[in-house]
C-alpha atoms as a PDB file:
ATOM      1  CA  MET A   1      65.251   9.710  14.138  1.00  0.00           C
ATOM      2  CA  PRO A   2      68.764   9.189  15.496  1.00  0.00           C
ATOM      3  CA  ALA A   3      69.209   9.773  19.235  1.00  0.00           C
ATOM      4  CA  THR A   4      71.515  12.494  20.521  1.00  0.00           C
ATOM      5  CA  ASP A   5      73.434  12.976  23.767  1.00  0.00           C
ATOM      6  CA  GLU A   6      70.462  15.042  24.975  1.00  0.00           C
ATOM      7  CA  ASP A   7      68.214  11.999  24.474  1.00  0.00           C
ATOM      8  CA  TRP A   8      70.500   9.790  26.589  1.00  0.00           C
ATOM      9  CA  ALA A   9      70.479  12.412  29.359  1.00  0.00           C
ATOM     10  CA  THR A  10      66.662  12.791  29.340  1.00  0.00           C
ATOM     11  CA  GLU A  11      64.252  10.965  31.636  1.00  0.00           C
ATOM     12  CA  TYR A  12      61.059  11.035  29.570  1.00  0.00           C
ATOM     13  CA  MET A  13      58.481  10.080  32.228  1.00  0.00           C
ATOM     14  CA  ASP A  14      56.395   8.680  29.364  1.00  0.00           C
ATOM     15  CA  LEU A  15      56.311   5.657  27.063  1.00  0.00           C
ATOM     16  CA  ASP A  16      58.971   7.226  24.789  1.00  0.00           C
ATOM     17  CA  LEU A  17      62.197   5.303  24.324  1.00  0.00           C
ATOM     18  CA  ALA A  18      65.740   6.163  23.376  1.00  0.00           C
ATOM     19  CA  VAL A  19      67.201   2.940  21.956  1.00  0.00           C
ATOM     20  CA  ALA A  20      70.848   2.352  21.103  1.00  0.00           C
ATOM     21  CA  MET A  21      71.869  -0.282  18.609  1.00  0.00           C
ATOM     22  CA  VAL A  22      75.556  -1.017  19.104  1.00  0.00           C
ATOM     23  CA  ASP A  23      78.151  -3.087  17.295  1.00  0.00           C
ATOM     24  CA  SER A  24      79.340  -5.068  20.305  1.00  0.00           C
ATOM     25  CA  LEU A  25      78.629  -5.896  23.916  1.00  0.00           C
ATOM     26  CA  ASP A  26      81.693  -3.842  24.845  1.00  0.00           C
ATOM     27  CA  ASP A  27      80.073  -0.818  23.153  1.00  0.00           C
ATOM     28  CA  ALA A  28      76.797  -1.470  24.993  1.00  0.00           C
ATOM     29  CA  VAL A  29      78.470  -1.645  28.406  1.00  0.00           C
ATOM     30  CA  LYS A  30      80.509   1.486  27.617  1.00  0.00           C
ATOM     31  CA  HIS A  31      77.329   3.357  26.595  1.00  0.00           C
ATOM     32  CA  ILE A  32      75.567   2.277  29.799  1.00  0.00           C
ATOM     33  CA  ARG A  33      78.511   3.266  32.001  1.00  0.00           C
ATOM     34  CA  THR A  34      78.451   6.719  30.386  1.00  0.00           C
ATOM     35  CA  TRP A  35      74.698   7.392  30.528  1.00  0.00           C
ATOM     36  CA  SER A  36      73.109   5.095  33.132  1.00  0.00           C
ATOM     37  CA  THR A  37      71.390   6.353  36.260  1.00  0.00           C
ATOM     38  CA  GLY A  38      72.037   2.953  37.858  1.00  0.00           C
ATOM     39  CA  HIS A  39      68.305   2.241  38.036  1.00  0.00           C
ATOM     40  CA  THR A  40      67.392  -0.232  35.257  1.00  0.00           C
ATOM     41  CA  GLU A  41      69.174  -1.489  32.153  1.00  0.00           C
ATOM     42  CA  ALA A  42      68.054  -4.042  29.578  1.00  0.00           C
ATOM     43  CA  ILE A  43      69.461  -6.093  26.742  1.00  0.00           C
ATOM     44  CA  LEU A  44      67.782  -8.032  23.946  1.00  0.00           C
ATOM     45  CA  THR A  45      69.937 -10.951  22.877  1.00  0.00           C
ATOM     46  CA  ASN A  46      69.830 -14.546  21.687  1.00  0.00           C
ATOM     47  CA  ASP A  47      73.348 -15.171  23.008  1.00  0.00           C
ATOM     48  CA  LEU A  48      73.394 -16.683  26.519  1.00  0.00           C
ATOM     49  CA  ALA A  49      77.060 -15.746  27.070  1.00  0.00           C
ATOM     50  CA  ASN A  50      76.312 -12.111  26.206  1.00  0.00           C
ATOM     51  CA  ALA A  51      73.304 -12.121  28.558  1.00  0.00           C
ATOM     52  CA  GLU A  52      75.390 -13.515  31.426  1.00  0.00           C
ATOM     53  CA  ARG A  53      78.195 -11.023  30.776  1.00  0.00           C
ATOM     54  CA  PHE A  54      75.693  -8.142  30.621  1.00  0.00           C
ATOM     55  CA  ILE A  55      74.240  -9.191  33.996  1.00  0.00           C
ATOM     56  CA  ALA A  56      77.721  -9.419  35.521  1.00  0.00           C
ATOM     57  CA  GLU A  57      79.122  -6.161  34.131  1.00  0.00           C
ATOM     58  CA  VAL A  58      76.174  -3.767  34.336  1.00  0.00           C
ATOM     59  CA  ASP A  59      75.951  -2.127  37.753  1.00  0.00           C
ATOM     60  CA  SER A  60      72.285  -1.161  38.053  1.00  0.00           C
ATOM     61  CA  ALA A  61      69.579  -1.926  40.585  1.00  0.00           C
ATOM     62  CA  ALA A  62      67.702  -3.978  37.976  1.00  0.00           C
ATOM     63  CA  VAL A  63      69.239  -5.733  34.992  1.00  0.00           C
ATOM     64  CA  ILE A  64      66.771  -7.161  32.503  1.00  0.00           C
ATOM     65  CA  VAL A  65      67.354  -9.670  29.718  1.00  0.00           C
ATOM     66  CA  ASN A  66      64.774 -10.049  26.950  1.00  0.00           C
ATOM     67  CA  ALA A  67      61.873  -8.420  28.796  1.00  0.00           C
ATOM     68  CA  SER A  68      60.396  -4.966  29.300  1.00  0.00           C
ATOM     69  CA  THR A  69      62.002  -2.518  31.734  1.00  0.00           C
ATOM     70  CA  ARG A  70      58.456  -1.891  32.988  1.00  0.00           C
ATOM     71  CA  PHE A  71      58.880  -4.974  35.193  1.00  0.00           C
ATOM     72  CA  THR A  72      61.067  -2.847  37.516  1.00  0.00           C
ATOM     73  CA  ASP A  73      58.232  -2.123  39.908  1.00  0.00           C
ATOM     74  CA  GLY A  74      57.726  -2.950  43.586  1.00  0.00           C
ATOM     75  CA  GLY A  75      54.571  -4.924  42.890  1.00  0.00           C
ATOM     76  CA  GLU A  76      56.137  -6.869  40.023  1.00  0.00           C
ATOM     77  CA  LEU A  77      59.195  -7.697  42.155  1.00  0.00           C
ATOM     78  CA  GLY A  78      56.999  -8.980  44.980  1.00  0.00           C
ATOM     79  CA  LEU A  79      57.723  -6.070  47.316  1.00  0.00           C
ATOM     80  CA  GLY A  80      54.171  -4.743  47.582  1.00  0.00           C
ATOM     81  CA  ALA A  81      52.741  -1.367  46.684  1.00  0.00           C
ATOM     82  CA  GLU A  82      55.040   1.603  46.247  1.00  0.00           C
ATOM     83  CA  VAL A  83      54.637   4.606  48.508  1.00  0.00           C
ATOM     84  CA  GLY A  84      57.529   6.517  46.958  1.00  0.00           C
ATOM     85  CA  ILE A  85      59.724   5.850  43.987  1.00  0.00           C
ATOM     86  CA  SER A  86      63.507   6.028  44.136  1.00  0.00           C
ATOM     87  CA  THR A  87      65.392   6.568  40.904  1.00  0.00           C
ATOM     88  CA  GLN A  88      68.711   5.882  42.591  1.00  0.00           C
ATOM     89  CA  LYS A  89      70.489   2.621  43.233  1.00  0.00           C
ATOM     90  CA  LEU A  90      71.162   3.391  46.924  1.00  0.00           C
ATOM     91  CA  HIS A  91      67.786   3.611  48.607  1.00  0.00           C
ATOM     92  CA  ALA A  92      68.620   4.631  52.179  1.00  0.00           C
ATOM     93  CA  ARG A  93      68.445   8.083  53.739  1.00  0.00           C
ATOM     94  CA  GLY A  94      69.539   9.243  57.183  1.00  0.00           C
ATOM     95  CA  PRO A  95      71.794   7.212  59.493  1.00  0.00           C
ATOM     96  CA  MET A  96      73.655   4.484  57.630  1.00  0.00           C
ATOM     97  CA  GLY A  97      74.337   1.026  58.994  1.00  0.00           C
ATOM     98  CA  LEU A  98      75.290  -2.192  57.239  1.00  0.00           C
ATOM     99  CA  THR A  99      71.718  -2.835  56.071  1.00  0.00           C
ATOM    100  CA  GLU A 100      71.439   0.646  54.535  1.00  0.00           C
ATOM    101  CA  LEU A 101      74.777   0.261  52.735  1.00  0.00           C
ATOM    102  CA  THR A 102      73.796  -3.056  51.154  1.00  0.00           C
ATOM    103  CA  THR A 103      72.178  -2.924  47.725  1.00  0.00           C
ATOM    104  CA  THR A 104      70.159  -5.487  45.838  1.00  0.00           C
ATOM    105  CA  LYS A 105      70.640  -6.216  42.164  1.00  0.00           C
ATOM    106  CA  TRP A 106      67.418  -7.571  40.663  1.00  0.00           C
ATOM    107  CA  ILE A 107      67.899  -9.799  37.624  1.00  0.00           C
ATOM    108  CA  VAL A 108      64.902 -10.310  35.351  1.00  0.00           C
ATOM    109  CA  GLN A 109      65.199 -12.821  32.513  1.00  0.00           C
ATOM    110  CA  GLY A 110      62.473 -13.246  29.950  1.00  0.00           C
ATOM    111  CA  GLU A 111      61.610 -14.381  26.463  1.00  0.00           C
ATOM    112  CA  GLY A 112      60.193 -11.125  25.121  1.00  0.00           C
ATOM    113  CA  GLN A 113      57.575 -10.423  27.802  1.00  0.00           C
ATOM    114  CA  VAL A 114      56.086  -6.961  28.053  1.00  0.00           C
ATOM    115  CA  ARG A 115      53.933  -5.366  30.707  1.00  0.00           C
ATOM    116  CA  GLY A 116      50.817  -3.560  29.558  1.00  0.00           C
END
């Protein structure tokens, strides 16, 4: 069934997906800028230039090309087990110094991999 604005604003906490098929990369980036939480975004594409542009223009903590968003996980990124889960791009709380104000953008590139 077609997705609605309510679907884009919903965090399902399940294996449900809201998927947007768009006519152009410009439309995809515009959609993401409107609805993204800044946590994880993904694109499926055969076009290397579009993949590189997507990585450059999407401002999220993890940007994934041709792989499952389920790879955005501390263990999968080599950071060890997760004690708490942040759904924000800026991770720090409390006093802020240079380290706390620096963010990391994880880039995951695949060939259709999924995580079970």
